[in-house]
Amino acid sequence: MKFSFIDSVNSADENRIVAVKKVLPEDEYLKDHFPTFPIMPGVLMLETMVQAASELLSRGEERLVLGAVKSVKYGEMVRPNDELTVDIEVKKHNEDGSVTLKGVGTVKKHDSNETLTACSGRFTMRPATLN
C-alpha cells in the first residue's frame, strides 16, 4: 500500500529537507482518530518525518527504512486544515550504512499564523534487508 504524507518540499539540500503535509478534513485516518475530535495521530507525524527523510536520503535503488526511534516528544495537536511542516537534518552517517537524523515537526494552525511544535526527536534510517 502506498500513501504519502508529503504534499510539498519547501527546501532541500544534501543534509536537510523541509517538507509540508496539509491535513485535510477528508483524510481517512481522521474518521477514527477521534470521530468527535479529529487529530493527526502521533505515529503519522513520525511517518511524515520518515517519508521526508527517505526523500532526502534516496540513493537510487537502495531502499531505506526506519531503523530506530529515540527521544520522540509530542506537543501541539495537528487538526484538520492545519499544516504540519517537518524539518529533517542529517546528524551522522554510520558505518553500517544507516543514517541518524533529527526531526522537528511544527504545526501552523489554520485559524492563525501561530506556529507550534507538534513533534520532535531523533531517528535512524537503515538500508532495507529483503530476505
Protein backbone atom coordinates (compact mmCIF):
# COMPACT_ATOMS: atom_id res chain seq x y z
CA MET A 1 0.00 0.00 0.00
CA LYS A 2 1.39 3.38 -0.97
CA PHE A 3 0.45 6.52 0.88
CA SER A 4 2.17 9.85 1.03
CA PHE A 5 2.27 12.35 3.85
CA ILE A 6 4.40 14.83 1.89
CA ASP A 7 2.42 17.37 -0.11
CA SER A 8 5.34 19.63 -0.98
CA VAL A 9 9.03 20.18 -0.34
CA ASN A 10 9.90 23.75 0.65
CA SER A 11 13.65 23.27 0.55
CA ALA A 12 16.24 20.51 0.34
CA ASP A 13 19.99 20.18 0.19
CA GLU A 14 22.46 17.39 0.90
CA ASN A 15 21.84 17.29 4.68
CA ARG A 16 18.45 18.89 5.25
CA ILE A 17 14.88 18.85 3.95
CA VAL A 18 11.81 20.88 4.88
CA ALA A 19 8.51 19.34 3.75
CA VAL A 20 4.81 20.07 4.33
CA LYS A 21 1.71 17.95 4.93
CA LYS A 22 -1.66 19.72 4.79
CA VAL A 23 -4.12 17.85 6.99
CA LEU A 24 -7.44 17.73 5.16
CA PRO A 25 -10.82 17.13 6.83
CA GLU A 26 -11.42 14.20 4.46
CA ASP A 27 -8.17 12.39 5.37
CA GLU A 28 -9.26 8.82 6.11
CA TYR A 29 -7.45 8.40 9.45
CA LEU A 30 -9.32 11.36 10.96
CA LYS A 31 -12.61 9.42 10.85
CA ASP A 32 -11.36 7.09 13.59
CA HIS A 33 -8.90 9.29 15.46
CA PHE A 34 -11.12 10.62 17.01
CA PRO A 35 -14.64 10.81 15.49
CA THR A 36 -15.79 13.79 17.58
CA PHE A 37 -12.37 15.44 17.95
CA PRO A 38 -10.21 14.59 14.91
CA ILE A 39 -6.43 14.90 15.29
CA MET A 40 -3.48 13.55 13.33
CA PRO A 41 -2.08 10.53 15.20
CA GLY A 42 1.42 10.92 16.58
CA VAL A 43 2.64 7.88 14.67
CA LEU A 44 1.59 9.58 11.41
CA MET A 45 3.52 12.71 12.39
CA LEU A 46 6.54 10.44 12.80
CA GLU A 47 5.73 8.79 9.45
CA THR A 48 5.73 12.23 7.83
CA MET A 49 9.26 12.79 9.18
CA VAL A 50 10.34 9.33 7.96
CA GLN A 51 8.96 9.98 4.46
CA ALA A 52 10.77 13.32 4.29
CA ALA A 53 13.97 11.61 5.43
CA SER A 54 13.50 8.94 2.75
CA GLU A 55 13.24 11.62 0.12
CA LEU A 56 16.33 13.38 1.48
CA LEU A 57 18.38 10.19 1.56
CA SER A 58 17.12 8.48 -1.61
CA ARG A 59 20.05 6.58 -3.05
CA GLY A 60 18.87 5.25 -6.37
CA GLU A 61 17.89 1.59 -6.00
CA GLU A 62 18.71 1.25 -2.30
CA ARG A 63 15.61 1.42 -0.12
CA LEU A 64 15.89 2.91 3.37
CA VAL A 65 13.50 2.09 6.19
CA LEU A 66 13.01 3.28 9.75
CA GLY A 67 15.56 1.54 11.95
CA ALA A 68 15.19 3.16 15.38
CA VAL A 69 13.39 5.99 17.12
CA LYS A 70 14.80 7.86 20.11
CA SER A 71 13.57 10.67 22.28
CA VAL A 72 10.40 11.48 20.33
CA LYS A 73 8.27 14.09 22.05
CA TYR A 74 4.80 15.23 21.08
CA GLY A 75 3.37 18.65 21.79
CA GLU A 76 0.68 20.56 19.94
CA MET A 77 -2.16 18.65 18.27
CA VAL A 78 -2.49 18.73 14.48
CA ARG A 79 -6.13 19.16 13.46
CA PRO A 80 -7.98 19.28 10.13
CA ASN A 81 -6.95 22.23 7.93
CA ASP A 82 -3.66 22.66 9.85
CA GLU A 83 -0.27 22.38 8.14
CA LEU A 84 2.45 20.13 9.52
CA THR A 85 5.94 21.22 8.44
CA VAL A 86 8.77 18.78 9.09
CA ASP A 87 12.40 19.89 9.19
CA ILE A 88 14.77 16.93 8.95
CA GLU A 89 18.54 17.19 9.37
CA VAL A 90 21.23 14.53 8.93
CA LYS A 91 23.29 14.24 12.11
CA LYS A 92 25.56 11.28 11.28
CA HIS A 93 26.30 8.74 8.55
CA ASN A 94 27.04 5.50 10.39
CA GLU A 95 29.50 2.76 9.38
CA ASP A 96 26.71 0.19 8.91
CA GLY A 97 25.06 2.29 6.20
CA SER A 98 22.42 3.74 8.49
CA VAL A 99 21.88 7.46 8.97
CA THR A 100 21.00 9.23 12.22
CA LEU A 101 18.65 12.19 11.81
CA LYS A 102 16.99 14.87 13.88
CA GLY A 103 13.46 15.95 13.05
CA VAL A 104 11.12 18.70 14.18
CA GLY A 105 7.50 18.95 13.15
CA THR A 106 5.75 22.27 13.61
CA VAL A 107 2.07 22.96 13.10
CA LYS A 108 0.65 26.11 11.62
CA LYS A 109 -2.91 26.44 12.81
CA HIS A 110 -5.46 27.08 10.09
CA ASP A 111 -7.12 29.86 12.06
CA SER A 112 -3.97 31.81 12.99
CA ASN A 113 -0.38 32.49 11.99
CA GLU A 114 0.86 30.82 15.16
CA THR A 115 3.40 28.01 14.68
CA LEU A 116 3.90 25.48 17.48
CA THR A 117 5.99 22.33 17.91
CA ALA A 118 3.92 19.19 17.28
CA CYS A 119 6.70 16.59 17.47
CA SER A 120 10.46 16.29 17.64
CA GLY A 121 13.06 13.62 18.07
CA ARG A 122 15.93 11.59 16.69
CA PHE A 123 15.59 8.55 14.49
CA THR A 124 17.70 6.26 12.33
CA MET A 125 17.10 5.19 8.75
CA ARG A 126 18.80 1.98 7.64
CA PRO A 127 19.08 0.01 4.40
CA ALA A 128 16.22 -2.46 3.98
CA THR A 129 17.17 -6.12 4.06
CA LEU A 130 14.89 -8.20 1.88
CA ASN A 131 15.17 -11.92 2.59
